[in-house]
Protein backbone atom coordinates (compact mmCIF):
# COMPACT_ATOMS: atom_id res chain seq x y z
CA MET A 1 25.38 -2.15 -16.20
CA LEU A 2 22.16 -3.01 -18.06
CA GLU A 3 22.11 -6.46 -16.42
CA GLN A 4 21.83 -4.75 -13.05
CA TRP A 5 18.81 -2.64 -14.05
CA ALA A 6 17.05 -5.19 -16.29
CA PRO A 7 14.90 -6.80 -13.55
CA ILE A 8 13.79 -3.39 -12.30
CA LEU A 9 12.89 -2.23 -15.82
CA VAL A 10 10.98 -5.45 -16.52
CA PHE A 11 9.08 -5.06 -13.23
CA MET A 12 8.20 -1.43 -13.98
CA ILE A 13 7.04 -2.24 -17.52
CA LEU A 14 4.91 -5.18 -16.33
CA SER A 15 3.43 -3.01 -13.56
CA LEU A 16 2.54 -0.31 -16.07
CA ILE A 17 0.99 -2.83 -18.47
CA THR A 18 -1.01 -4.45 -15.65
CA GLY A 19 -2.34 -1.13 -14.37
CA LEU A 20 -3.23 0.23 -17.80
CA GLY A 21 -4.72 -3.13 -18.79
CA ALA A 22 -7.02 -3.09 -15.77
CA ILE A 23 -8.17 0.45 -16.55
CA VAL A 24 -8.75 -0.23 -20.24
CA GLY A 25 -10.47 -3.55 -19.47
CA ALA A 26 -12.84 -1.90 -16.99
CA TRP A 27 -13.63 0.80 -19.54
CA VAL A 28 -14.27 -1.68 -22.39
CA LEU A 29 -16.23 -4.24 -20.34
CA GLY A 30 -18.00 -1.76 -18.10
CA THR A 31 -21.78 -1.67 -18.13
CA LYS A 32 -23.70 1.52 -17.76
CA ALA A 33 -27.17 1.97 -16.33
CA LYS A 34 -29.79 2.89 -18.87
CA LYS A 35 -31.87 4.79 -16.33
CA HIS A 36 -30.58 6.84 -13.47
CA SER A 37 -32.66 6.01 -10.41
CA PRO A 38 -33.09 8.58 -7.64
CA SER A 39 -31.77 6.07 -5.11
CA LYS A 40 -28.28 6.37 -6.65
CA ARG A 41 -28.03 9.90 -5.30
CA LEU A 42 -29.00 8.95 -1.72
CA THR A 43 -26.51 8.61 1.09
CA TYR A 44 -25.98 4.98 2.06
CA GLU A 45 -26.31 4.36 5.80
CA CYS A 46 -26.01 0.59 6.26
CA GLY A 47 -29.33 -0.17 4.62
CA GLU A 48 -31.29 2.38 6.63
CA ASN A 49 -33.09 5.34 5.14
CA PRO A 50 -30.85 8.41 5.50
CA GLU A 51 -31.87 11.13 7.91
CA GLY A 52 -30.80 14.64 7.00
CA SER A 53 -27.92 15.75 4.87
CA ALA A 54 -24.57 14.02 4.74
CA TRP A 55 -22.86 17.43 4.78
CA ILE A 56 -22.81 18.26 8.48
CA ARG A 57 -20.20 19.99 10.57
CA PHE A 58 -18.16 18.00 13.04
CA HIS A 59 -16.70 19.52 16.16
CA PRO A 60 -12.95 20.19 15.77
CA ARG A 61 -12.31 18.13 18.89
CA TYR A 62 -12.85 14.97 16.79
CA TYR A 63 -9.93 15.98 14.61
CA VAL A 64 -7.72 16.73 17.62
CA VAL A 65 -8.40 13.28 19.05
CA ALA A 66 -7.60 11.73 15.65
CA LEU A 67 -4.32 13.65 15.45
CA VAL A 68 -3.32 12.57 18.96
CA PHE A 69 -4.12 8.96 18.02
CA ILE A 70 -1.93 9.22 14.91
CA LEU A 71 0.86 10.81 16.94
CA PHE A 72 1.00 7.94 19.42
CA ASP A 73 0.50 5.38 16.66
CA VAL A 74 3.59 6.73 14.92
CA GLU A 75 5.43 6.62 18.23
CA ALA A 76 4.61 2.92 18.52
CA VAL A 77 5.92 2.34 15.00
CA PHE A 78 9.26 3.81 16.07
CA LEU A 79 9.36 2.03 19.43
CA PHE A 80 8.84 -1.57 18.25
CA PRO A 81 11.93 -1.91 16.01
CA TRP A 82 13.99 -0.05 18.59
CA ALA A 83 12.86 -2.43 21.33
CA LEU A 84 13.68 -5.47 19.21
CA ASN A 85 17.26 -4.27 18.61
CA LEU A 86 17.88 -2.80 22.05
CA LYS A 87 20.86 -5.01 22.95
CA GLY A 88 22.77 -4.20 19.78
CA LEU A 89 22.09 -0.45 19.79
CA GLY A 90 23.75 0.51 23.05
CA LEU A 91 23.28 3.27 25.60
CA LEU A 92 23.11 6.13 23.10
CA ALA A 93 20.01 4.61 21.48
CA VAL A 94 18.34 4.30 24.90
CA ILE A 95 19.05 7.96 25.60
CA ASP A 96 17.78 8.99 22.14
CA MET A 97 14.54 7.05 22.56
CA THR A 98 14.04 8.45 26.06
CA VAL A 99 14.36 11.99 24.67
CA PHE A 100 11.96 11.10 21.83
CA ALA A 101 9.36 9.71 24.23
CA ALA A 102 9.83 12.65 26.61
CA VAL A 103 9.16 15.18 23.85
CA LEU A 104 5.98 13.32 22.89
CA MET A 105 4.86 13.14 26.52
CA LEU A 106 5.47 16.87 26.94
CA GLY A 107 3.22 17.49 23.93
CA TRP A 108 0.55 15.24 25.43
CA VAL A 109 0.74 16.98 28.81
CA TYR A 110 0.51 20.36 27.04
CA ALA A 111 -2.62 19.22 25.18
CA LEU A 112 -4.16 17.97 28.42
CA ARG A 113 -3.42 21.22 30.27
CA LYS A 114 -4.91 23.29 27.43
CA GLY A 115 -8.06 21.16 27.58
CA ALA A 116 -7.76 20.01 23.98
CA LEU A 117 -8.73 16.45 24.88
CA ARG A 118 -11.54 17.27 27.32
CA TRP A 119 -15.07 16.39 26.22
CA GLN A 120 -17.76 18.87 27.15
């Protein structure tokens, strides 16, 4: 029984030692600035001087577009393995994936009709 779990235990112990060793090593070897310069508090904008505050409000439509992107990205993750094993899965898998894609398309059409994806 122990022989079966020994490699997993060794891996977990070595992972724990590696992680803790990296944290302790960074803490021991870490250098600290003697003076705090005001430029450390500035927002970094690709080498340009920042304009305004970094804390601005974004329109909620950006988040809706991001959620729709993630939705269809996840759909692609499910479609690729299904497409690779299509011959071995049979007709039931084709019907299941058609229902899955239809539900997602209905959600997309609903979002379009509500105007959630329309830029103004």
